[in-house]
Amino acid sequence: MPGHDHASLPAAAVLLERRFELADEAATDAFGARFAHALESLRTQEAGQRAVAAGVTPAGAASSVVPFNGLHVQLFGDLGAGKTSLVRAALRALGHAGRVRSPTYTLVEPYTVSTTSGELQLYHFDLYRFSDPAEWADAGFREYFAQGAVCLVEWPQRAGGLLGVPDLVFQLEPGRHGEGRVLTAYAYSASGKACLERC
């Protein structure tokens, strides 16, 4: 069953597109770590902006900061494309030491990680088992996306258009001649673009 086609991508303006050749598992892990550091960089920068606004640091110290109000990331790819591996690598880089399981049967796995800029809530969704987009609405997951958390969604196409436009899309496909993976990333928001620029 195909993981996605280009018609599944959000019908919105792409602010930034980047392509990454991931030759092996180590390269996938390295990208996951870069993504985690990009997230943390955005959050640290926002904390600096709040300090400037409060008069704690000199004015101008955080001039072009994108506010961090959470991040909605959709992951596309066939079964075994590396979506969960990428999420696992990002969680490890953010300091999560416990097990990271695929939420195929639980639908969502919540994580709280303590980082230098404070606690961060992450929710890892897998909608593979949905057969109708209405299941997304019935599951009551929408509230997770309004909490300033990082929401990582595998198989987002199973929710139809009910998820809305994400901040980022990571599309994973086999590399040339079946070797490694190619990750194409699309940013659809200012925060998604700022994150992708740091990856």
Protein backbone atom coordinates (compact mmCIF):
# COMPACT_ATOMS: atom_id res chain seq x y z
CA MET A 1 0.00 0.00 0.00
CA PRO A 2 1.65 3.28 -0.99
CA GLY A 3 2.56 5.62 1.83
CA HIS A 4 1.59 8.74 -0.03
CA ASP A 5 1.54 10.48 -3.33
CA HIS A 6 2.14 14.14 -4.08
CA ALA A 7 -1.62 14.73 -4.12
CA SER A 8 -1.62 13.93 -0.38
CA LEU A 9 0.64 16.87 0.46
CA PRO A 10 -1.16 19.89 1.91
CA ALA A 11 -2.63 22.24 -0.70
CA ALA A 12 -0.87 25.29 0.74
CA ALA A 13 2.12 27.44 -0.17
CA VAL A 14 5.48 25.84 0.58
CA LEU A 15 7.80 28.37 2.21
CA LEU A 16 10.90 26.19 2.04
CA GLU A 17 11.74 22.79 0.55
CA ARG A 18 14.91 20.84 1.28
CA ARG A 19 16.10 17.39 0.29
CA PHE A 20 18.34 15.18 2.42
CA GLU A 21 20.11 12.01 1.28
CA LEU A 22 20.10 9.56 4.20
CA ALA A 23 22.49 6.80 3.22
CA ASP A 24 21.86 4.53 6.23
CA GLU A 25 20.38 4.30 9.73
CA ALA A 26 23.19 6.45 11.14
CA ALA A 27 22.29 9.22 8.68
CA THR A 28 18.61 8.95 9.65
CA ASP A 29 19.58 9.17 13.33
CA ALA A 30 21.80 12.17 12.59
CA PHE A 31 18.95 13.98 10.84
CA GLY A 32 16.63 13.20 13.75
CA ALA A 33 19.21 14.72 16.10
CA ARG A 34 19.51 17.85 13.89
CA PHE A 35 15.72 18.18 13.92
CA ALA A 36 15.71 17.91 17.73
CA HIS A 37 18.42 20.56 18.04
CA ALA A 38 16.48 22.81 15.64
CA LEU A 39 13.40 22.47 17.86
CA GLU A 40 15.41 23.30 20.95
CA SER A 41 17.04 26.26 19.19
CA LEU A 42 13.61 27.70 18.34
CA ARG A 43 12.43 27.30 21.93
CA THR A 44 15.62 28.82 23.38
CA GLN A 45 15.37 31.76 21.01
CA GLU A 46 11.76 32.35 22.01
CA ALA A 47 12.72 32.27 25.69
CA GLY A 48 15.29 34.98 24.88
CA GLN A 49 12.60 37.06 23.20
CA ARG A 50 10.36 36.79 26.26
CA ALA A 51 13.27 37.95 28.43
CA VAL A 52 13.80 40.98 26.15
CA ALA A 53 10.09 41.81 26.31
CA ALA A 54 10.24 41.61 30.10
CA GLY A 55 13.27 43.93 30.16
CA VAL A 56 15.58 41.24 31.53
CA THR A 57 18.10 41.44 28.65
CA PRO A 58 19.19 44.33 26.41
CA ALA A 59 16.78 45.32 23.65
CA GLY A 60 17.68 44.00 20.22
CA ALA A 61 19.08 40.74 21.59
CA ALA A 62 16.32 38.78 19.87
CA SER A 63 15.29 40.76 16.84
CA SER A 64 13.88 38.25 14.33
CA VAL A 65 12.51 35.54 16.58
CA VAL A 66 9.70 33.26 15.44
CA PRO A 67 7.38 32.48 18.37
CA PHE A 68 7.29 28.80 19.29
CA ASN A 69 3.68 27.72 19.78
CA GLY A 70 4.31 24.05 19.23
CA LEU A 71 4.98 22.30 15.94
CA HIS A 72 2.77 20.07 13.80
CA VAL A 73 4.87 17.67 11.71
CA GLN A 74 3.41 15.16 9.26
CA LEU A 75 5.48 12.14 8.19
CA PHE A 76 4.76 10.42 4.87
CA GLY A 77 6.27 7.19 3.62
CA ASP A 78 5.54 3.54 2.95
CA LEU A 79 5.63 0.92 5.69
CA GLY A 80 9.23 0.57 6.80
CA ALA A 81 10.28 3.91 5.27
CA GLY A 82 11.82 5.09 8.54
CA LYS A 83 9.14 7.36 10.00
CA THR A 84 9.24 5.87 13.50
CA SER A 85 13.05 5.63 13.35
CA LEU A 86 13.21 9.36 12.68
CA VAL A 87 10.87 10.15 15.59
CA ARG A 88 12.88 7.84 17.85
CA ALA A 89 16.15 9.59 16.92
CA ALA A 90 14.64 13.02 17.63
CA LEU A 91 13.31 11.92 21.02
CA ARG A 92 16.67 10.41 21.98
CA ALA A 93 18.45 13.65 21.01
CA LEU A 94 15.98 15.63 23.14
CA GLY A 95 16.93 13.51 26.13
CA HIS A 96 14.23 10.83 26.26
CA ALA A 97 15.90 7.72 27.67
CA GLY A 98 12.92 5.35 27.76
CA ARG A 99 11.43 3.13 25.13
CA VAL A 100 9.99 4.68 21.96
CA ARG A 101 7.36 2.42 20.46
CA SER A 102 5.35 2.80 17.32
CA PRO A 103 1.85 4.03 18.22
CA THR A 104 0.24 1.80 15.55
CA TYR A 105 -2.11 0.20 18.08
CA THR A 106 -2.33 2.91 20.75
CA LEU A 107 -2.77 5.64 18.06
CA VAL A 108 -0.79 8.14 20.16
CA GLU A 109 2.21 7.92 22.48
CA PRO A 110 2.82 10.96 24.73
CA TYR A 111 6.29 12.06 25.85
CA THR A 112 7.55 14.77 28.18
CA VAL A 113 11.21 15.68 27.90
CA SER A 114 13.17 18.09 30.07
CA THR A 115 15.36 20.34 27.96
CA THR A 116 17.51 23.39 28.66
CA SER A 117 14.56 25.61 27.74
CA GLY A 118 12.10 23.74 29.97
CA GLU A 119 9.70 20.84 29.64
CA LEU A 120 8.51 19.92 26.16
CA GLN A 121 5.42 17.84 25.41
CA LEU A 122 5.56 15.61 22.32
CA TYR A 123 2.78 13.46 20.90
CA HIS A 124 3.59 10.74 18.38
CA PHE A 125 0.55 9.70 16.35
CA ASP A 126 0.12 6.82 13.92
CA LEU A 127 -3.15 6.93 11.97
CA TYR A 128 -2.43 3.86 9.82
CA ARG A 129 -5.38 1.93 11.23
CA PHE A 130 -7.91 4.66 10.43
CA SER A 131 -10.20 3.67 7.58
CA ASP A 132 -12.28 6.86 7.59
CA PRO A 133 -11.22 10.47 8.30
CA ALA A 134 -14.18 10.74 10.70
CA GLU A 135 -12.22 8.49 13.06
CA TRP A 136 -9.81 11.39 13.59
CA ALA A 137 -12.63 13.66 14.75
CA ASP A 138 -14.13 10.91 16.92
CA ALA A 139 -10.78 10.15 18.61
CA GLY A 140 -10.67 13.59 20.27
CA PHE A 141 -7.04 14.26 19.37
CA ARG A 142 -7.56 17.84 18.15
CA GLU A 143 -6.88 19.25 21.64
CA TYR A 144 -3.31 17.93 21.54
CA PHE A 145 -2.55 20.34 18.70
CA ALA A 146 -3.63 23.40 20.70
CA GLN A 147 -1.28 22.92 23.67
CA GLY A 148 2.00 24.29 22.31
CA ALA A 149 3.26 20.72 21.98
CA VAL A 150 5.17 19.01 19.18
CA CYS A 151 2.79 16.69 17.33
CA LEU A 152 4.41 14.15 15.01
CA VAL A 153 1.86 12.38 12.81
CA GLU A 154 2.52 9.25 10.76
CA TRP A 155 0.00 8.40 8.03
CA PRO A 156 -1.68 11.84 8.21
CA GLN A 157 -3.48 11.21 4.91
CA ARG A 158 -5.78 8.79 6.79
CA ALA A 159 -7.37 11.83 8.48
CA GLY A 160 -8.18 13.46 5.15
CA GLY A 161 -7.95 17.23 5.43
CA LEU A 162 -9.09 17.27 9.08
CA LEU A 163 -5.57 17.79 10.44
CA GLY A 164 -5.22 21.15 8.72
CA VAL A 165 -2.00 22.53 7.30
CA PRO A 166 1.10 21.35 9.19
CA ASP A 167 4.17 23.39 10.00
CA LEU A 168 6.41 20.74 8.41
CA VAL A 169 6.11 17.66 6.22
CA PHE A 170 8.80 14.99 6.13
CA GLN A 171 8.43 12.70 3.12
CA LEU A 172 10.59 9.56 3.25
CA GLU A 173 11.23 7.49 0.12
CA PRO A 174 13.76 4.83 -0.87
CA GLY A 175 17.05 6.16 -2.22
CA ARG A 176 18.37 5.49 -5.68
CA HIS A 177 18.71 1.82 -6.50
CA GLY A 178 16.93 1.04 -3.21
CA GLU A 179 19.88 2.22 -1.11
CA GLY A 180 19.27 4.41 1.91
CA ARG A 181 16.46 6.95 2.05
CA VAL A 182 15.66 10.35 0.66
CA LEU A 183 13.92 12.77 2.98
CA THR A 184 12.19 15.73 1.34
CA ALA A 185 11.08 18.34 3.84
CA TYR A 186 8.46 21.01 3.19
CA ALA A 187 7.82 23.98 5.49
CA TYR A 188 4.35 25.52 5.46
CA SER A 189 4.65 28.07 8.30
CA ALA A 190 7.18 30.56 9.65
CA SER A 191 8.01 28.25 12.56
CA GLY A 192 8.32 25.26 10.23
CA LYS A 193 10.62 27.25 7.94
CA ALA A 194 12.75 28.44 10.86
CA CYS A 195 13.05 24.85 12.10
CA LEU A 196 13.93 23.47 8.67
CA GLU A 197 16.58 26.17 8.14
CA ARG A 198 18.32 24.86 11.25
CA CYS A 199 18.26 21.22 10.10
